[in-house]
């Protein structure tokens, strides 16, 4: 090899060594300054990052198929696309008012608001308490937020759609006392009684099928009442005693039935329980007229 060629090779090798040295010195500073991309929460997860057995992180608990799958090792999902809002009008003094796409369906944003608030009871790990508790006031009064019964899930959820059952039930009791059979009127507890809530909805809300096989008839945010025993919702031959109420979820269980957001003790939960016992009544927060 000639001397000049050997010299050029030495110069090239020296240049490569110098370049590697510069990268070694600069790289930590770039990484510290945020110039090097890393897979932290809030970033979209590449498909190669998902390993079988990893816990899948969902955005806000949603099961929207448009979300990008991510692993439970700090990778988060891309938020779902924004839905075009539909206008609605919560007119004071009316029952369940609002514009809707069809006469028997709530607007999408109201379904989403009701179910999201019901799911908060589960996320907050709200304990079961079905005794008498004074509310924080009237209207829009509530018992301590870390406690509640099945009816409190419904009351709190509907308030996310600007429907205050404490106010609505009390005004309806005064307007039609014969429907309620109450010896004493009490705004602390009347709207939290399962029989009173059922009577109010039977008078004012849209009544729907109790056939759980007709899953198209069940929408997120619907209100469902149960009896733990087998009975006849029509009253004969075995009348039903109301035992429980819950909110229909926006999620479907492994058996193909919509889940129920409820608090029957010891804590609020989202259960595959739509066909547990007897489904006595099924309402939607729309005027029945």
C-alpha atoms as a PDB file:
ATOM      1  CA  UNK A   1       0.000   0.000   0.000  1.00  0.00           C
ATOM      2  CA  UNK A   2       1.373   3.375  -0.926  1.00  0.00           C
ATOM      3  CA  UNK A   3       2.270   5.890   1.750  1.00  0.00           C
ATOM      4  CA  UNK A   4      -0.279   8.440   0.494  1.00  0.00           C
ATOM      5  CA  UNK A   5      -3.147   5.892   0.552  1.00  0.00           C
ATOM      6  CA  UNK A   6      -2.176   4.709   4.027  1.00  0.00           C
ATOM      7  CA  UNK A   7      -2.171   8.306   5.176  1.00  0.00           C
ATOM      8  CA  UNK A   8      -5.671   8.898   3.802  1.00  0.00           C
ATOM      9  CA  UNK A   9      -6.999   5.793   5.615  1.00  0.00           C
ATOM     10  CA  UNK A  10      -5.473   6.978   8.873  1.00  0.00           C
ATOM     11  CA  UNK A  11      -7.123  10.367   8.402  1.00  0.00           C
ATOM     12  CA  UNK A  12     -10.538   8.744   7.711  1.00  0.00           C
ATOM     13  CA  UNK A  13     -10.269   6.531  10.776  1.00  0.00           C
ATOM     14  CA  UNK A  14      -9.351   9.513  12.899  1.00  0.00           C
ATOM     15  CA  UNK A  15     -12.396  11.383  11.560  1.00  0.00           C
ATOM     16  CA  UNK A  16     -14.740   8.526  12.449  1.00  0.00           C
ATOM     17  CA  UNK A  17     -13.254   8.317  15.950  1.00  0.00           C
ATOM     18  CA  UNK A  18     -13.719  12.063  16.413  1.00  0.00           C
ATOM     19  CA  UNK A  19     -17.351  11.879  15.228  1.00  0.00           C
ATOM     20  CA  UNK A  20     -18.173   9.019  17.606  1.00  0.00           C
ATOM     21  CA  UNK A  21     -16.598  10.933  20.445  1.00  0.00           C
ATOM     22  CA  UNK A  22     -18.735  13.990  19.695  1.00  0.00           C
ATOM     23  CA  UNK A  23     -21.930  11.874  19.611  1.00  0.00           C
ATOM     24  CA  UNK A  24     -21.000  10.297  22.944  1.00  0.00           C
ATOM     25  CA  UNK A  25     -20.609  13.727  24.499  1.00  0.00           C
ATOM     26  CA  UNK A  26     -23.719  15.360  22.948  1.00  0.00           C
ATOM     27  CA  UNK A  27     -26.267  12.497  23.178  1.00  0.00           C
ATOM     28  CA  UNK A  28     -26.921  12.698  26.974  1.00  0.00           C
ATOM     29  CA  UNK A  29     -27.522  16.429  26.718  1.00  0.00           C
ATOM     30  CA  UNK A  30     -29.979  15.929  23.826  1.00  0.00           C
ATOM     31  CA  UNK A  31     -31.859  13.258  25.747  1.00  0.00           C
ATOM     32  CA  UNK A  32     -32.015  15.366  28.907  1.00  0.00           C
ATOM     33  CA  UNK A  33     -33.275  18.343  26.927  1.00  0.00           C
ATOM     34  CA  UNK A  34     -36.147  16.360  25.423  1.00  0.00           C
ATOM     35  CA  UNK A  35     -34.692  16.249  21.896  1.00  0.00           C
ATOM     36  CA  UNK A  36     -34.674  12.449  21.822  1.00  0.00           C
ATOM     37  CA  UNK A  37     -38.178  10.803  21.592  1.00  0.00           C
ATOM     38  CA  UNK A  38     -39.059   8.384  24.408  1.00  0.00           C
ATOM     39  CA  UNK A  39     -42.164   6.197  24.966  1.00  0.00           C
ATOM     40  CA  UNK A  40     -43.796   7.859  27.980  1.00  0.00           C
ATOM     41  CA  UNK A  41     -47.496   8.104  28.861  1.00  0.00           C
ATOM     42  CA  UNK A  42     -49.335  10.271  26.392  1.00  0.00           C
ATOM     43  CA  UNK A  43     -47.428   9.068  23.350  1.00  0.00           C
ATOM     44  CA  UNK A  44     -48.814   6.828  20.683  1.00  0.00           C
ATOM     45  CA  UNK A  45     -47.683   3.244  21.087  1.00  0.00           C
ATOM     46  CA  UNK A  46     -46.101   1.548  18.048  1.00  0.00           C
ATOM     47  CA  UNK A  47     -47.429  -1.935  17.334  1.00  0.00           C
ATOM     48  CA  UNK A  48     -44.033  -3.444  18.163  1.00  0.00           C
ATOM     49  CA  UNK A  49     -44.289  -2.085  21.716  1.00  0.00           C
ATOM     50  CA  UNK A  50     -47.252  -4.308  22.582  1.00  0.00           C
ATOM     51  CA  UNK A  51     -46.189  -7.586  24.148  1.00  0.00           C
ATOM     52  CA  UNK A  52     -48.714 -10.408  24.774  1.00  0.00           C
ATOM     53  CA  UNK A  53     -49.680 -10.356  28.432  1.00  0.00           C
ATOM     54  CA  UNK A  54     -49.175  -6.607  28.868  1.00  0.00           C
ATOM     55  CA  UNK A  55     -52.057  -4.742  30.473  1.00  0.00           C
ATOM     56  CA  UNK A  56     -53.765  -2.646  27.800  1.00  0.00           C
ATOM     57  CA  UNK A  57     -54.226   0.967  28.814  1.00  0.00           C
ATOM     58  CA  UNK A  58     -57.432   2.599  27.629  1.00  0.00           C
ATOM     59  CA  UNK A  59     -58.137   6.283  27.255  1.00  0.00           C
ATOM     60  CA  UNK A  60     -60.676   7.297  29.857  1.00  0.00           C
ATOM     61  CA  UNK A  61     -61.956   3.752  30.148  1.00  0.00           C
ATOM     62  CA  UNK A  62     -63.319   3.798  26.606  1.00  0.00           C
ATOM     63  CA  UNK A  63     -63.593   0.729  24.406  1.00  0.00           C
ATOM     64  CA  UNK A  64     -63.562   2.812  21.214  1.00  0.00           C
ATOM     65  CA  UNK A  65     -61.985   0.638  18.469  1.00  0.00           C
ATOM     66  CA  UNK A  66     -60.336   3.714  16.946  1.00  0.00           C
ATOM     67  CA  UNK A  67     -57.892   3.802  19.843  1.00  0.00           C
ATOM     68  CA  UNK A  68     -54.338   2.642  19.245  1.00  0.00           C
ATOM     69  CA  UNK A  69     -53.378  -0.345  21.390  1.00  0.00           C
ATOM     70  CA  UNK A  70     -50.713   0.369  23.977  1.00  0.00           C
ATOM     71  CA  UNK A  71     -48.913  -1.654  26.614  1.00  0.00           C
ATOM     72  CA  UNK A  72     -49.078  -1.287  30.368  1.00  0.00           C
ATOM     73  CA  UNK A  73     -45.371  -0.394  30.579  1.00  0.00           C
ATOM     74  CA  UNK A  74     -45.954   3.361  30.465  1.00  0.00           C
ATOM     75  CA  UNK A  75     -47.302   3.617  26.923  1.00  0.00           C
ATOM     76  CA  UNK A  76     -50.652   5.336  26.573  1.00  0.00           C
ATOM     77  CA  UNK A  77     -53.286   5.447  23.862  1.00  0.00           C
ATOM     78  CA  UNK A  78     -54.165   8.102  21.376  1.00  0.00           C
ATOM     79  CA  UNK A  79     -57.351   9.978  22.419  1.00  0.00           C
ATOM     80  CA  UNK A  80     -60.459   9.071  20.406  1.00  0.00           C
ATOM     81  CA  UNK A  81     -61.578  11.515  17.698  1.00  0.00           C
ATOM     82  CA  UNK A  82     -63.904  14.246  18.871  1.00  0.00           C
ATOM     83  CA  UNK A  83     -67.564  13.644  18.120  1.00  0.00           C
ATOM     84  CA  UNK A  84     -69.563  16.406  16.500  1.00  0.00           C
ATOM     85  CA  UNK A  85     -71.706  17.862  19.292  1.00  0.00           C
ATOM     86  CA  UNK A  86     -75.477  17.912  19.021  1.00  0.00           C
ATOM     87  CA  UNK A  87     -77.328  20.791  20.584  1.00  0.00           C
ATOM     88  CA  UNK A  88     -79.736  20.055  23.415  1.00  0.00           C
ATOM     89  CA  UNK A  89     -81.886  22.159  25.661  1.00  0.00           C
ATOM     90  CA  UNK A  90     -82.251  21.394  29.363  1.00  0.00           C
ATOM     91  CA  UNK A  91     -85.255  23.627  29.952  1.00  0.00           C
ATOM     92  CA  UNK A  92     -85.912  24.301  33.606  1.00  0.00           C
ATOM     93  CA  UNK A  93     -89.155  22.819  34.857  1.00  0.00           C
ATOM     94  CA  UNK A  94     -89.471  20.163  32.163  1.00  0.00           C
ATOM     95  CA  UNK A  95     -88.725  16.491  32.468  1.00  0.00           C
ATOM     96  CA  UNK A  96     -85.768  15.099  30.518  1.00  0.00           C
ATOM     97  CA  UNK A  97     -85.937  17.731  27.779  1.00  0.00           C
ATOM     98  CA  UNK A  98     -83.490  17.650  24.884  1.00  0.00           C
ATOM     99  CA  UNK A  99     -83.114  17.475  21.147  1.00  0.00           C
ATOM    100  CA  UNK A 100     -82.427  13.953  19.949  1.00  0.00           C
ATOM    101  CA  UNK A 101     -81.796  12.108  16.707  1.00  0.00           C
ATOM    102  CA  UNK A 102     -84.873   9.867  17.081  1.00  0.00           C
ATOM    103  CA  UNK A 103     -87.969  10.164  19.296  1.00  0.00           C
ATOM    104  CA  UNK A 104     -86.854   7.318  21.570  1.00  0.00           C
ATOM    105  CA  UNK A 105     -83.092   7.924  21.917  1.00  0.00           C
ATOM    106  CA  UNK A 106     -81.050  10.317  24.006  1.00  0.00           C
ATOM    107  CA  UNK A 107     -78.430  12.443  22.251  1.00  0.00           C
ATOM    108  CA  UNK A 108     -75.025  10.762  22.173  1.00  0.00           C
ATOM    109  CA  UNK A 109     -73.470  13.287  24.542  1.00  0.00           C
ATOM    110  CA  UNK A 110     -76.151  12.694  27.177  1.00  0.00           C
ATOM    111  CA  UNK A 111     -75.717   8.915  27.022  1.00  0.00           C
ATOM    112  CA  UNK A 112     -71.981   9.453  27.398  1.00  0.00           C
ATOM    113  CA  UNK A 113     -72.398  11.905  30.289  1.00  0.00           C
ATOM    114  CA  UNK A 114     -74.709   9.593  32.244  1.00  0.00           C
ATOM    115  CA  UNK A 115     -72.576   6.481  31.865  1.00  0.00           C
ATOM    116  CA  UNK A 116     -69.319   8.343  32.541  1.00  0.00           C
ATOM    117  CA  UNK A 117     -70.710   9.716  35.809  1.00  0.00           C
ATOM    118  CA  UNK A 118     -72.034   6.288  36.808  1.00  0.00           C
ATOM    119  CA  UNK A 119     -68.590   4.805  36.170  1.00  0.00           C
ATOM    120  CA  UNK A 120     -67.060   7.443  38.456  1.00  0.00           C
ATOM    121  CA  UNK A 121     -68.810   5.682  41.347  1.00  0.00           C
ATOM    122  CA  UNK A 122     -66.807   2.561  40.492  1.00  0.00           C
ATOM    123  CA  UNK A 123     -63.540   4.448  40.018  1.00  0.00           C
ATOM    124  CA  UNK A 124     -64.015   6.266  43.324  1.00  0.00           C
ATOM    125  CA  UNK A 125     -64.703   2.937  45.052  1.00  0.00           C
ATOM    126  CA  UNK A 126     -67.863   4.338  46.623  1.00  0.00           C
ATOM    127  CA  UNK A 127     -68.999   2.259  49.592  1.00  0.00           C
ATOM    128  CA  UNK A 128     -72.547   1.017  50.106  1.00  0.00           C
ATOM    129  CA  UNK A 129     -74.789   2.902  52.541  1.00  0.00           C
ATOM    130  CA  UNK A 130     -78.565   2.579  52.280  1.00  0.00           C
ATOM    131  CA  UNK A 131     -79.600   4.229  55.551  1.00  0.00           C
ATOM    132  CA  UNK A 132     -81.063   7.673  56.116  1.00  0.00           C
ATOM    133  CA  UNK A 133     -78.525  10.424  55.553  1.00  0.00           C
ATOM    134  CA  UNK A 134     -79.159  14.152  55.382  1.00  0.00           C
ATOM    135  CA  UNK A 135     -78.250  15.707  52.052  1.00  0.00           C
ATOM    136  CA  UNK A 136     -76.122  18.812  51.609  1.00  0.00           C
ATOM    137  CA  UNK A 137     -79.180  20.844  50.628  1.00  0.00           C
ATOM    138  CA  UNK A 138     -82.052  21.195  48.165  1.00  0.00           C
ATOM    139  CA  UNK A 139     -82.094  21.162  45.202  1.00  0.00           C
ATOM    140  CA  UNK A 140     -78.987  19.329  43.950  1.00  0.00           C
ATOM    141  CA  UNK A 141     -78.238  18.091  47.437  1.00  0.00           C
ATOM    142  CA  UNK A 142     -76.185  14.956  47.952  1.00  0.00           C
ATOM    143  CA  UNK A 143     -75.032  12.659  50.726  1.00  0.00           C
ATOM    144  CA  UNK A 144     -71.250  12.257  51.340  1.00  0.00           C
ATOM    145  CA  UNK A 145     -69.706  11.323  47.996  1.00  0.00           C
ATOM    146  CA  UNK A 146     -67.802   8.333  49.352  1.00  0.00           C
ATOM    147  CA  UNK A 147     -71.081   6.605  50.263  1.00  0.00           C
ATOM    148  CA  UNK A 148     -74.232   5.674  48.413  1.00  0.00           C
ATOM    149  CA  UNK A 149     -76.877   3.084  47.595  1.00  0.00           C
ATOM    150  CA  UNK A 150     -78.130   1.834  44.243  1.00  0.00           C
ATOM    151  CA  UNK A 151     -80.435   4.828  43.865  1.00  0.00           C
ATOM    152  CA  UNK A 152     -77.550   7.258  44.447  1.00  0.00           C
ATOM    153  CA  UNK A 153     -75.798   5.897  41.351  1.00  0.00           C
ATOM    154  CA  UNK A 154     -78.876   6.902  39.337  1.00  0.00           C
ATOM    155  CA  UNK A 155     -79.308  10.292  41.011  1.00  0.00           C
ATOM    156  CA  UNK A 156     -75.658  11.276  40.547  1.00  0.00           C
ATOM    157  CA  UNK A 157     -75.510   9.970  36.992  1.00  0.00           C
ATOM    158  CA  UNK A 158     -78.577  11.861  35.777  1.00  0.00           C
ATOM    159  CA  UNK A 159     -77.246  15.083  37.278  1.00  0.00           C
ATOM    160  CA  UNK A 160     -74.371  14.851  34.799  1.00  0.00           C
ATOM    161  CA  UNK A 161     -77.075  15.417  32.166  1.00  0.00           C
ATOM    162  CA  UNK A 162     -78.654  18.274  34.174  1.00  0.00           C
ATOM    163  CA  UNK A 163     -81.515  16.161  35.553  1.00  0.00           C
ATOM    164  CA  UNK A 164     -81.972  16.635  39.312  1.00  0.00           C
ATOM    165  CA  UNK A 165     -84.159  13.808  40.616  1.00  0.00           C
ATOM    166  CA  UNK A 166     -84.209  15.364  44.078  1.00  0.00           C
ATOM    167  CA  UNK A 167     -86.066  18.369  42.654  1.00  0.00           C
ATOM    168  CA  UNK A 168     -88.134  16.489  40.074  1.00  0.00           C
ATOM    169  CA  UNK A 169     -89.315  13.746  42.441  1.00  0.00           C
ATOM    170  CA  UNK A 170     -90.216  16.222  45.202  1.00  0.00           C
ATOM    171  CA  UNK A 171     -92.259  18.411  42.843  1.00  0.00           C
ATOM    172  CA  UNK A 172     -94.032  15.361  41.436  1.00  0.00           C
ATOM    173  CA  UNK A 173     -94.869  14.090  44.933  1.00  0.00           C
ATOM    174  CA  UNK A 174     -96.544  17.415  45.682  1.00  0.00           C
ATOM    175  CA  UNK A 175     -98.370  17.338  42.340  1.00  0.00           C
ATOM    176  CA  UNK A 176     -99.567  13.713  42.559  1.00  0.00           C
ATOM    177  CA  UNK A 177     -99.314  12.458  46.173  1.00  0.00           C
ATOM    178  CA  UNK A 178    -101.608   9.490  45.533  1.00  0.00           C
ATOM    179  CA  UNK A 179     -98.934   7.905  43.327  1.00  0.00           C
ATOM    180  CA  UNK A 180     -96.399   7.799  46.139  1.00  0.00           C
ATOM    181  CA  UNK A 181     -98.226   6.710  49.300  1.00  0.00           C
ATOM    182  CA  UNK A 182     -95.881   8.652  51.591  1.00  0.00           C
ATOM    183  CA  UNK A 183     -96.888   9.654  55.108  1.00  0.00           C
ATOM    184  CA  UNK A 184     -94.141  12.299  55.351  1.00  0.00           C
ATOM    185  CA  UNK A 185     -92.464  14.223  52.536  1.00  0.00           C
ATOM    186  CA  UNK A 186     -88.695  14.554  53.005  1.00  0.00           C
ATOM    187  CA  UNK A 187     -86.349  15.945  50.329  1.00  0.00           C
ATOM    188  CA  UNK A 188     -83.383  14.238  52.023  1.00  0.00           C
ATOM    189  CA  UNK A 189     -84.583  10.726  51.282  1.00  0.00           C
ATOM    190  CA  UNK A 190     -87.636  10.610  48.987  1.00  0.00           C
ATOM    191  CA  UNK A 191     -85.660  10.616  45.722  1.00  0.00           C
ATOM    192  CA  UNK A 192     -83.330   7.951  47.176  1.00  0.00           C
ATOM    193  CA  UNK A 193     -86.131   5.489  47.907  1.00  0.00           C
ATOM    194  CA  UNK A 194     -86.288   2.824  45.213  1.00  0.00           C
ATOM    195  CA  UNK A 195     -90.107   2.671  45.233  1.00  0.00           C
ATOM    196  CA  UNK A 196     -90.394   6.461  44.963  1.00  0.00           C
ATOM    197  CA  UNK A 197     -87.885   6.643  42.129  1.00  0.00           C
ATOM    198  CA  UNK A 198     -89.743   3.895  40.268  1.00  0.00           C
ATOM    199  CA  UNK A 199     -93.087   5.643  40.748  1.00  0.00           C
ATOM    200  CA  UNK A 200     -91.679   8.897  39.416  1.00  0.00           C
ATOM    201  CA  UNK A 201     -90.180   7.286  36.326  1.00  0.00           C
ATOM    202  CA  UNK A 202     -93.344   5.264  35.697  1.00  0.00           C
ATOM    203  CA  UNK A 203     -95.300   8.525  35.652  1.00  0.00           C
ATOM    204  CA  UNK A 204     -92.880  10.591  33.609  1.00  0.00           C
ATOM    205  CA  UNK A 205     -90.198   8.657  31.720  1.00  0.00           C
ATOM    206  CA  UNK A 206     -90.188   6.491  28.609  1.00  0.00           C
ATOM    207  CA  UNK A 207     -90.968   2.875  29.555  1.00  0.00           C
ATOM    208  CA  UNK A 208     -89.218   0.165  27.518  1.00  0.00           C
ATOM    209  CA  UNK A 209     -89.058  -3.603  27.235  1.00  0.00           C
ATOM    210  CA  UNK A 210     -87.741  -5.855  30.004  1.00  0.00           C
ATOM    211  CA  UNK A 211     -86.786  -8.611  27.554  1.00  0.00           C
ATOM    212  CA  UNK A 212     -83.005  -8.860  27.936  1.00  0.00           C
ATOM    213  CA  UNK A 213     -82.787 -10.826  24.687  1.00  0.00           C
ATOM    214  CA  UNK A 214     -83.757  -7.645  22.830  1.00  0.00           C
ATOM    215  CA  UNK A 215     -80.382  -5.976  23.322  1.00  0.00           C
ATOM    216  CA  UNK A 216     -81.084  -3.347  20.656  1.00  0.00           C
ATOM    217  CA  UNK A 217     -83.681  -1.913  23.047  1.00  0.00           C
ATOM    218  CA  UNK A 218     -81.070  -1.196  25.740  1.00  0.00           C
ATOM    219  CA  UNK A 219     -79.056   1.999  25.431  1.00  0.00           C
ATOM    220  CA  UNK A 220     -76.266   3.471  27.594  1.00  0.00           C
ATOM    221  CA  UNK A 221     -77.766   5.520  30.401  1.00  0.00           C
ATOM    222  CA  UNK A 222     -81.035   3.569  30.606  1.00  0.00           C
ATOM    223  CA  UNK A 223     -82.381   2.910  34.110  1.00  0.00           C
ATOM    224  CA  UNK A 224     -83.195  -0.679  35.068  1.00  0.00           C
ATOM    225  CA  UNK A 225     -85.022  -1.998  38.165  1.00  0.00           C
ATOM    226  CA  UNK A 226     -84.644  -5.513  39.552  1.00  0.00           C
ATOM    227  CA  UNK A 227     -86.236  -7.974  41.961  1.00  0.00           C
ATOM    228  CA  UNK A 228     -83.892 -10.629  43.322  1.00  0.00           C
ATOM    229  CA  UNK A 229     -86.580 -13.300  43.171  1.00  0.00           C
ATOM    230  CA  UNK A 230     -88.360 -14.692  40.131  1.00  0.00           C
ATOM    231  CA  UNK A 231     -91.643 -12.824  39.833  1.00  0.00           C
ATOM    232  CA  UNK A 232     -94.084 -11.324  37.333  1.00  0.00           C
ATOM    233  CA  UNK A 233     -93.545  -7.642  36.485  1.00  0.00           C
ATOM    234  CA  UNK A 234     -97.209  -7.498  35.405  1.00  0.00           C
ATOM    235  CA  UNK A 235     -98.224  -8.435  38.952  1.00  0.00           C
ATOM    236  CA  UNK A 236     -99.760 -11.881  38.456  1.00  0.00           C
ATOM    237  CA  UNK A 237     -99.380 -14.584  39.557  1.00  0.00           C
ATOM    238  CA  UNK A 238     -96.344 -13.488  41.611  1.00  0.00           C
ATOM    239  CA  UNK A 239     -96.015  -9.691  42.026  1.00  0.00           C
ATOM    240  CA  UNK A 240     -92.541  -8.181  42.172  1.00  0.00           C
ATOM    241  CA  UNK A 241     -90.920  -6.377  45.082  1.00  0.00           C
ATOM    242  CA  UNK A 242     -88.376  -3.814  43.926  1.00  0.00           C
ATOM    243  CA  UNK A 243     -84.915  -4.598  45.310  1.00  0.00           C
ATOM    244  CA  UNK A 244     -82.370  -2.816  43.157  1.00  0.00           C
ATOM    245  CA  UNK A 245     -81.752  -0.250  40.397  1.00  0.00           C
ATOM    246  CA  UNK A 246     -78.802   0.463  38.108  1.00  0.00           C
ATOM    247  CA  UNK A 247     -77.606   2.277  34.991  1.00  0.00           C
ATOM    248  CA  UNK A 248     -77.108   0.426  31.706  1.00  0.00           C
ATOM    249  CA  UNK A 249     -73.454   0.659  30.652  1.00  0.00           C
ATOM    250  CA  UNK A 250     -71.933   1.554  27.296  1.00  0.00           C
ATOM    251  CA  UNK A 251     -69.974  -1.699  27.491  1.00  0.00           C
ATOM    252  CA  UNK A 252     -71.062  -5.230  26.569  1.00  0.00           C
ATOM    253  CA  UNK A 253     -70.136  -8.294  28.615  1.00  0.00           C
ATOM    254  CA  UNK A 254     -68.788 -11.620  27.360  1.00  0.00           C
ATOM    255  CA  UNK A 255     -72.317 -13.043  27.089  1.00  0.00           C
ATOM    256  CA  UNK A 256     -73.452 -10.290  24.751  1.00  0.00           C
ATOM    257  CA  UNK A 257     -75.504  -8.400  27.364  1.00  0.00           C
ATOM    258  CA  UNK A 258     -74.876  -4.800  28.305  1.00  0.00           C
ATOM    259  CA  UNK A 259     -73.180  -4.404  31.668  1.00  0.00           C
ATOM    260  CA  UNK A 260     -74.846  -2.620  34.581  1.00  0.00           C
ATOM    261  CA  UNK A 261     -73.263   0.199  36.629  1.00  0.00           C
ATOM    262  CA  UNK A 262     -74.603  -0.267  40.150  1.00  0.00           C
ATOM    263  CA  UNK A 263     -74.004  -0.248  43.870  1.00  0.00           C
ATOM    264  CA  UNK A 264     -75.549  -3.201  45.654  1.00  0.00           C
ATOM    265  CA  UNK A 265     -72.686  -3.487  48.114  1.00  0.00           C
ATOM    266  CA  UNK A 266     -70.073  -3.616  49.327  1.00  0.00           C
ATOM    267  CA  UNK A 267     -68.849  -1.158  46.656  1.00  0.00           C
ATOM    268  CA  UNK A 268     -70.030   0.326  43.391  1.00  0.00           C
ATOM    269  CA  UNK A 269     -69.250  -1.967  40.465  1.00  0.00           C
ATOM    270  CA  UNK A 270     -69.800  -2.594  36.746  1.00  0.00           C
ATOM    271  CA  UNK A 271     -71.306  -6.061  36.467  1.00  0.00           C
ATOM    272  CA  UNK A 272     -72.629  -8.535  33.916  1.00  0.00           C
ATOM    273  CA  UNK A 273     -75.953  -8.636  35.769  1.00  0.00           C
ATOM    274  CA  UNK A 274     -78.700  -7.476  33.408  1.00  0.00           C
ATOM    275  CA  UNK A 275     -80.462 -10.855  33.682  1.00  0.00           C
ATOM    276  CA  UNK A 276     -79.893 -11.362  37.405  1.00  0.00           C
ATOM    277  CA  UNK A 277     -83.140 -12.072  39.274  1.00  0.00           C
ATOM    278  CA  UNK A 278     -86.058 -10.451  37.452  1.00  0.00           C
ATOM    279  CA  UNK A 279     -85.783  -7.290  35.376  1.00  0.00           C
ATOM    280  CA  UNK A 280     -88.909  -5.512  36.591  1.00  0.00           C
ATOM    281  CA  UNK A 281     -88.740  -2.198  34.729  1.00  0.00           C
ATOM    282  CA  UNK A 282     -86.669  -0.418  32.100  1.00  0.00           C
ATOM    283  CA  UNK A 283     -86.826   3.353  31.599  1.00  0.00           C
ATOM    284  CA  UNK A 284     -85.072   5.971  29.519  1.00  0.00           C
ATOM    285  CA  UNK A 285     -84.612   9.558  30.674  1.00  0.00           C
ATOM    286  CA  UNK A 286     -87.047  10.937  28.124  1.00  0.00           C
ATOM    287  CA  UNK A 287     -90.585  12.165  28.535  1.00  0.00           C
ATOM    288  CA  UNK A 288     -93.078   9.380  27.900  1.00  0.00           C
ATOM    289  CA  UNK A 289     -95.375  11.790  26.025  1.00  0.00           C
END
